Amino acid sequence: AGNYLIIWSLLAQPQTGTDVVVTLETAAGDAQYAQSGDTVAAAGDTALIVGSTVVQLQAGAQLVLRNHSGAAISLAAAQGASANSFSASFTIARVL
């Protein structure tokens, strides 16, 4: 248990022009800790979504970034990387 700094970023490509919204929440979806997003004008455009928060978590806590855009999104492939590499990061550090 303890306090954790959580930082995320991803390049999202929605299938339609829309607002892209992701939330950091528990895997069960019963608690939301933060929300971040961007507006994308057209399908295929890329949105850079970044966010950070400090949360108190219990041992064994499971977190997810969940798409709340109302439309499907894809993660942009990382340039110069293999087919299974995407432009996203998720960092968790304990704050003492």
Protein backbone atom coordinates (compact mmCIF):
# COMPACT_ATOMS: atom_id res chain seq x y z
CA ALA A 1 0.00 0.00 0.00
CA GLY A 2 1.11 3.54 -0.62
CA ASN A 3 0.91 6.63 -2.80
CA TYR A 4 1.85 6.32 -6.47
CA LEU A 5 2.55 8.80 -9.25
CA ILE A 6 1.01 7.46 -12.46
CA ILE A 7 1.85 8.97 -15.86
CA TRP A 8 0.50 7.81 -19.22
CA SER A 9 0.68 8.84 -22.86
CA LEU A 10 -0.63 7.30 -26.05
CA LEU A 11 -1.18 8.15 -29.69
CA ALA A 12 -4.79 7.32 -30.45
CA GLN A 13 -6.44 7.11 -33.86
CA PRO A 14 -10.24 7.10 -33.72
CA GLN A 15 -12.24 5.53 -36.51
CA THR A 16 -14.32 8.73 -36.74
CA GLY A 17 -13.66 12.39 -36.01
CA THR A 18 -14.51 12.59 -32.32
CA ASP A 19 -13.35 13.51 -28.85
CA VAL A 20 -10.94 10.88 -27.55
CA VAL A 21 -11.30 10.34 -23.80
CA VAL A 22 -9.49 7.80 -21.64
CA THR A 23 -9.83 7.26 -17.91
CA LEU A 24 -7.49 5.73 -15.39
CA GLU A 25 -9.60 3.41 -13.27
CA THR A 26 -9.64 0.15 -11.39
CA ALA A 27 -9.82 -3.00 -13.51
CA ALA A 28 -13.32 -3.62 -12.12
CA GLY A 29 -14.39 -0.11 -13.16
CA ASP A 30 -15.65 0.80 -9.69
CA ALA A 31 -13.31 3.80 -9.19
CA GLN A 32 -12.01 6.44 -11.59
CA TYR A 33 -8.84 8.30 -10.66
CA ALA A 34 -8.26 10.60 -13.63
CA GLN A 35 -9.40 11.45 -17.15
CA SER A 36 -7.61 12.89 -20.16
CA GLY A 37 -8.49 13.52 -23.78
CA ASP A 38 -8.24 15.48 -27.00
CA THR A 39 -10.42 16.35 -30.02
CA VAL A 40 -9.70 14.72 -33.38
CA ALA A 41 -11.15 16.39 -36.47
CA ALA A 42 -11.27 13.41 -38.83
CA ALA A 43 -10.96 9.64 -38.92
CA GLY A 44 -7.34 8.55 -39.07
CA ASP A 45 -6.01 11.73 -37.44
CA THR A 46 -3.86 11.10 -34.39
CA ALA A 47 -4.47 12.51 -30.91
CA LEU A 48 -1.76 12.64 -28.26
CA ILE A 49 -3.40 11.75 -24.96
CA VAL A 50 -1.37 12.40 -21.80
CA GLY A 51 -2.27 12.40 -18.14
CA SER A 52 -0.91 12.07 -14.66
CA THR A 53 -2.19 11.73 -11.13
CA VAL A 54 -1.13 10.65 -7.64
CA VAL A 55 -3.32 7.95 -6.11
CA GLN A 56 -3.30 5.90 -2.94
CA LEU A 57 -3.38 2.19 -3.82
CA GLN A 58 -3.57 -1.02 -1.82
CA ALA A 59 -1.23 -3.96 -2.50
CA GLY A 60 -2.39 -5.92 -5.54
CA ALA A 61 -4.42 -3.05 -7.03
CA GLN A 62 -5.08 -3.43 -10.76
CA LEU A 63 -5.45 -0.35 -12.95
CA VAL A 64 -6.47 0.13 -16.58
CA LEU A 65 -6.73 2.96 -19.09
CA ARG A 66 -10.23 2.65 -20.52
CA ASN A 67 -11.59 4.23 -23.69
CA HIS A 68 -14.66 6.34 -22.87
CA SER A 69 -14.85 8.03 -26.27
CA GLY A 70 -18.03 6.38 -27.44
CA ALA A 71 -16.18 5.17 -30.54
CA ALA A 72 -13.42 2.65 -31.19
CA ILE A 73 -9.84 3.89 -31.18
CA SER A 74 -6.60 2.28 -32.34
CA LEU A 75 -3.13 2.86 -30.95
CA ALA A 76 -0.75 4.28 -33.52
CA ALA A 77 2.15 2.01 -34.42
CA ALA A 78 5.55 3.22 -33.23
CA GLN A 79 7.69 4.46 -36.10
CA GLY A 80 10.55 2.15 -37.02
CA ALA A 81 9.36 -0.59 -34.70
CA SER A 82 8.04 -4.11 -35.22
CA ALA A 83 4.37 -4.74 -35.99
CA ASN A 84 3.57 -5.30 -32.31
CA SER A 85 5.00 -2.01 -30.99
CA PHE A 86 2.74 0.94 -30.26
CA SER A 87 3.21 4.57 -29.31
CA ALA A 88 2.12 4.40 -25.69
CA SER A 89 3.65 4.47 -22.24
CA PHE A 90 2.45 3.83 -18.70
CA THR A 91 4.72 4.65 -15.74
CA ILE A 92 4.02 4.01 -12.08
CA ALA A 93 6.37 5.21 -9.34
CA ARG A 94 5.90 4.99 -5.59
CA VAL A 95 5.95 8.39 -3.89
CA LEU A 96 7.56 8.31 -0.46
